[in-house]
Protein backbone atom coordinates (compact mmCIF):
# COMPACT_ATOMS: atom_id res chain seq x y z
CA MET A 1 -0.22 0.33 -0.11
CA ALA A 2 1.66 3.56 -1.16
CA LEU A 3 -0.06 6.64 -2.02
CA ARG A 4 1.30 8.79 -5.07
CA PRO A 5 1.83 13.03 -4.86
CA VAL A 6 -0.58 13.60 -8.63
CA GLN A 7 -1.08 17.35 -8.02
CA VAL A 8 -0.16 20.65 -5.53
CA ASN A 9 -3.35 22.24 -4.98
CA ILE A 10 -3.00 26.36 -4.37
CA LYS A 11 -5.49 28.35 -3.15
CA ALA A 12 -6.72 31.89 -4.98
CA LEU A 13 -9.43 34.45 -4.93
CA ASP A 14 -9.73 34.32 -8.59
CA ASP A 15 -8.83 30.44 -9.87
CA SER A 16 -9.52 30.95 -13.26
CA ALA A 17 -6.61 33.73 -13.56
CA VAL A 18 -4.20 31.97 -11.54
CA GLY A 19 -4.97 28.97 -13.16
CA ARG A 20 -4.46 30.48 -16.70
CA PHE A 21 -1.11 32.25 -15.88
CA TRP A 22 0.35 28.81 -14.95
CA ALA A 23 -0.72 27.04 -17.91
CA GLU A 24 0.93 29.52 -19.59
CA ALA A 25 3.78 29.25 -17.49
CA LEU A 26 4.25 25.85 -18.18
CA GLY A 27 3.09 25.30 -21.78
CA TRP A 28 -0.01 23.21 -20.41
CA GLY A 29 -3.52 23.58 -21.06
CA VAL A 30 -6.39 24.45 -18.32
CA SER A 31 -9.80 22.38 -17.96
CA SER A 32 -12.34 22.19 -15.26
CA GLU A 33 -14.16 19.97 -12.91
CA GLY A 34 -16.56 22.48 -11.66
CA PRO A 35 -17.05 25.81 -10.62
CA GLY A 36 -14.36 26.82 -8.42
CA VAL A 37 -11.59 24.73 -9.94
CA THR A 38 -9.53 25.07 -12.18
CA ASN A 39 -7.16 22.18 -13.90
CA VAL A 40 -3.47 22.62 -15.41
CA GLU A 41 -2.41 19.67 -17.44
CA PRO A 42 0.09 18.84 -19.82
CA GLY A 43 -1.77 18.76 -22.91
CA ASP A 44 -1.42 16.27 -25.77
CA GLY A 45 -3.61 13.48 -25.05
CA PHE A 46 -2.93 13.81 -21.35
CA VAL A 47 -4.82 11.43 -19.26
CA TRP A 48 -5.10 12.25 -15.10
CA PRO A 49 -4.33 10.74 -13.16
CA ASP A 50 -0.84 9.76 -14.44
CA PRO A 51 1.60 7.26 -13.53
CA VAL A 52 4.19 10.41 -13.20
CA ALA A 53 3.39 13.91 -13.68
CA VAL A 54 2.05 16.24 -11.06
CA CYS A 55 -0.40 19.02 -12.04
CA ILE A 56 -2.07 21.75 -10.35
CA ASP A 57 -4.99 22.53 -9.23
CA VAL A 58 -6.30 25.84 -8.59
CA VAL A 59 -8.57 26.43 -6.10
CA ALA A 60 -11.30 29.21 -5.25
CA VAL A 61 -10.89 30.33 -1.70
CA PRO A 62 -12.39 33.78 -0.26
CA GLU A 63 -9.46 35.01 1.76
CA PRO A 64 -6.35 36.72 -0.01
CA LYS A 65 -2.72 35.25 0.71
CA THR A 66 -1.11 37.10 3.88
CA ALA A 67 2.52 38.47 3.29
CA THR A 68 3.55 34.70 5.25
CA LYS A 69 5.85 33.35 2.61
CA ASN A 70 4.43 30.09 1.32
CA ARG A 71 6.15 26.62 2.81
CA VAL A 72 5.37 24.58 -0.33
CA HIS A 73 6.74 26.22 -3.74
CA ILE A 74 7.41 24.82 -7.48
CA ASP A 75 10.51 25.33 -9.31
CA LEU A 76 10.57 25.38 -12.74
CA ALA A 77 13.66 23.89 -14.96
CA THR A 78 15.39 25.44 -17.35
CA THR A 79 18.09 24.22 -20.32
CA SER A 80 20.83 27.21 -20.67
CA PRO A 81 21.19 31.12 -19.24
CA ALA A 82 19.10 31.90 -22.25
CA HIS A 83 16.31 30.01 -21.81
CA GLN A 84 15.67 30.90 -18.33
CA ALA A 85 16.18 34.68 -18.97
CA ALA A 86 13.55 34.55 -21.69
CA LEU A 87 10.68 32.29 -19.07
CA VAL A 88 11.48 35.15 -16.59
CA ALA A 89 10.99 38.17 -18.96
CA ARG A 90 7.94 35.96 -19.84
CA LEU A 91 6.48 35.10 -16.93
CA LYS A 92 6.57 38.93 -15.95
CA ALA A 93 5.14 39.56 -18.68
CA LEU A 94 1.72 37.14 -17.78
CA GLY A 95 1.61 38.93 -14.06
CA ALA A 96 4.68 37.26 -12.04
CA THR A 97 6.14 40.09 -10.26
CA PRO A 98 9.95 39.88 -8.55
CA ALA A 99 9.59 38.29 -4.68
CA ASP A 100 12.45 38.65 -2.05
CA VAL A 101 12.34 35.80 0.42
CA GLY A 102 16.14 36.58 1.53
CA GLN A 103 17.44 34.72 -1.57
CA GLY A 104 20.31 37.33 -1.70
CA ASP A 105 22.67 37.09 -5.01
CA ALA A 106 21.53 33.43 -5.68
CA PRO A 107 21.78 31.82 -9.40
CA TRP A 108 18.11 31.32 -9.84
CA THR A 109 14.96 34.21 -9.65
CA VAL A 110 12.43 34.13 -6.93
CA LEU A 111 9.06 35.44 -8.49
CA ALA A 112 5.24 35.31 -7.52
CA ASP A 113 2.48 34.62 -9.89
CA PRO A 114 -0.39 36.84 -9.75
CA GLU A 115 -1.87 36.20 -6.16
CA GLY A 116 1.56 35.98 -4.66
CA ASN A 117 2.59 32.81 -4.68
CA GLU A 118 6.03 32.35 -4.09
CA PHE A 119 8.29 30.17 -7.18
CA CYS A 120 11.79 29.82 -8.64
CA VAL A 121 13.20 30.14 -12.12
CA LEU A 122 15.87 27.61 -11.49
CA GLU A 123 19.28 27.57 -13.53
CA PRO A 124 20.16 25.23 -15.74
CA ARG A 125 20.79 21.96 -14.01
CA GLU A 126 21.75 18.56 -15.41
CA ILE A 127 20.08 16.68 -12.43
CA TYR A 128 16.61 18.58 -13.56
CA ARG A 129 17.43 17.54 -17.46
CA ASP A 130 14.28 15.45 -18.13
CA THR A 131 12.00 16.40 -15.58
CA GLY A 132 10.07 18.58 -17.56
CA PRO A 133 8.96 22.22 -16.92
CA ILE A 134 8.58 21.72 -13.14
CA ALA A 135 11.56 20.78 -11.60
CA ARG A 136 10.78 20.46 -8.63
CA VAL A 137 8.26 20.81 -5.39
CA VAL A 138 9.71 22.19 -2.21
CA VAL A 139 8.63 22.08 0.91
CA ASP A 140 10.17 23.93 3.93
CA CYS A 141 10.36 22.44 6.92
CA ALA A 142 12.30 22.32 10.26
CA ALA A 143 13.47 18.61 10.22
CA PRO A 144 13.64 17.12 6.71
CA ARG A 145 15.31 13.56 8.19
CA ALA A 146 12.19 13.06 9.85
CA MET A 147 10.18 14.43 6.39
CA ALA A 148 11.70 11.90 4.57
CA GLY A 149 10.88 8.96 6.86
CA PHE A 150 7.02 10.25 6.58
CA TRP A 151 6.89 11.28 3.14
CA GLY A 152 9.17 8.47 2.14
CA GLU A 153 6.80 5.55 4.04
CA ALA A 154 3.63 7.71 2.76
CA THR A 155 4.57 7.11 -0.99
CA ASP A 156 6.10 5.01 -3.23
CA TRP A 157 8.31 7.59 -4.16
CA THR A 158 11.94 6.74 -3.72
CA LEU A 159 13.96 8.48 -1.42
CA HIS A 160 17.24 9.89 -3.55
CA GLU A 161 19.41 12.09 -0.87
CA VAL A 162 18.66 13.36 2.98
CA THR A 163 21.51 15.59 4.83
CA GLY A 164 20.13 17.60 7.78
CA GLU A 165 19.76 20.35 5.15
CA HIS A 166 17.11 18.55 2.37
CA ALA A 167 16.11 15.29 1.91
CA VAL A 168 15.17 14.84 -1.60
CA LEU A 169 12.39 12.32 -3.36
CA ARG A 170 11.32 11.05 -6.89
CA SER A 171 9.01 8.71 -8.23
CA ALA A 172 10.48 5.23 -8.27
CA LYS A 173 10.15 5.49 -12.38
CA GLY A 174 13.28 7.98 -12.52
CA VAL A 175 10.54 10.62 -14.17
CA GLY A 176 9.10 14.04 -13.33
CA PRO A 177 9.54 16.18 -10.61
CA TYR A 178 11.90 16.03 -7.97
CA LEU A 179 9.91 16.71 -4.44
CA GLU A 180 12.14 18.33 -1.90
CA PHE A 181 11.64 18.96 2.14
CA ARG A 182 14.43 21.82 3.01
CA ARG A 183 15.34 22.73 6.23
CA SER A 184 13.95 25.99 7.53
CA SER A 185 13.43 27.87 11.09
CA ASP A 186 9.88 29.69 9.88
CA ALA A 187 7.41 28.01 11.92
CA LYS A 188 3.74 27.38 10.86
CA THR A 189 1.93 31.19 12.06
CA VAL A 190 -0.93 30.81 8.72
CA PRO A 191 -3.06 28.47 6.88
CA ASP A 192 -1.08 26.60 4.53
CA ARG A 193 -1.87 28.10 0.80
CA VAL A 194 0.17 25.67 -1.45
CA HIS A 195 -0.61 21.63 -0.42
CA ILE A 196 -0.34 18.36 -2.03
CA ASP A 197 -2.67 16.16 -2.89
CA LEU A 198 -2.19 11.95 -3.36
CA LEU A 199 -3.94 9.72 -4.93
CA PRO A 200 -4.20 5.88 -3.82
CA TYR A 201 -3.93 3.43 -6.50
CA PRO A 202 -6.89 1.37 -8.16
CA GLY A 203 -8.37 -1.30 -6.26
CA ASP A 204 -6.51 0.32 -2.57
CA ASP A 205 -8.69 1.76 0.17
CA LYS A 206 -8.93 5.42 0.64
CA ALA A 207 -9.98 4.37 4.25
CA ALA A 208 -7.21 2.06 4.97
CA GLU A 209 -4.70 4.62 3.79
CA VAL A 210 -5.49 6.99 5.91
CA ALA A 211 -5.36 4.75 8.94
CA ARG A 212 -2.07 3.82 7.57
CA LEU A 213 -0.53 7.20 7.14
CA LYS A 214 -2.01 8.78 11.09
CA THR A 215 0.36 5.32 12.29
CA LEU A 216 2.82 7.27 10.71
CA GLY A 217 2.15 10.48 12.20
CA ALA A 218 -0.11 11.98 9.88
CA THR A 219 -3.36 13.79 11.85
CA ASP A 220 -6.60 14.62 11.09
CA LEU A 221 -7.53 18.79 10.02
CA ASP A 222 -10.51 20.14 9.73
CA LEU A 223 -10.76 22.98 7.39
CA GLY A 224 -14.57 23.41 7.23
CA GLN A 225 -14.56 21.29 4.43
CA GLY A 226 -17.72 19.24 5.39
CA ASP A 227 -18.24 15.66 3.49
CA VAL A 228 -16.34 16.01 0.39
CA PRO A 229 -14.65 12.39 -0.96
CA TRP A 230 -11.41 13.54 0.04
CA THR A 231 -9.74 13.69 3.91
CA CYS A 232 -7.70 16.65 4.40
CA LEU A 233 -4.74 16.05 6.89
CA SER A 234 -1.42 17.28 8.32
CA ASP A 235 1.81 15.98 8.44
CA PRO A 236 3.95 15.52 11.86
CA GLU A 237 5.36 19.40 11.18
CA GLY A 238 1.67 20.06 10.46
CA HIS A 239 1.79 21.00 6.48
CA GLU A 240 -1.08 20.28 4.93
CA PHE A 241 -2.05 17.77 2.34
CA CYS A 242 -5.19 15.46 1.13
CA VAL A 243 -5.68 12.11 0.02
CA LEU A 244 -8.53 12.49 -2.82
CA GLY A 245 -11.00 9.39 -3.20
CA SER A 246 -10.55 6.73 -5.74
CA HIS A 247 -10.11 7.85 -9.23
């Protein structure tokens, strides 16, 4: 039994506008499973859920983002310095703005989407040559080793590296984006604006998976979601995530 990360969930005042931004940023398409939800997915006949693709779901909420930096963000891959510069310029034309998260003189560029969600455009790195447009999903945490233990057991992704500063996982198929837990001293002060959604495999029992996650240290989370087909949980450091109903 295991779960697979299938999407990054982003809350937004205007899900359609933010969804269009991310679709243009990634070169993907948009659809909608219902009012207040914009799905951002690869094109060319893509069928969700893909074994390795991590999509983006933008969900409408009434509260705007606070000035607090998100604890989860997306890093975009580039193939050359010229590609990085061109992508940054194109993203700004789409509505992205420069963001200062204390990065200093870094080789990557930190931006925020039209509603202030931070993300990075990385300089070319060989490790991300085959990830697709999303190089990695980064989660700030206090204890990367502990997070690697929890998320490594929660999902079927493979642990690539773990130190006191960061832990890195990736699909066992060796393709798609990485999931990185990076040490940060910033404590959680507001509800997560961005989180990861997990999905059981066909034939697996969602209730049993949720029970298994709780034995690993996950806890129930009440966001006022009511009677919905997904289950909201928090990991041992309080990062919110959802277990979706079987597809």
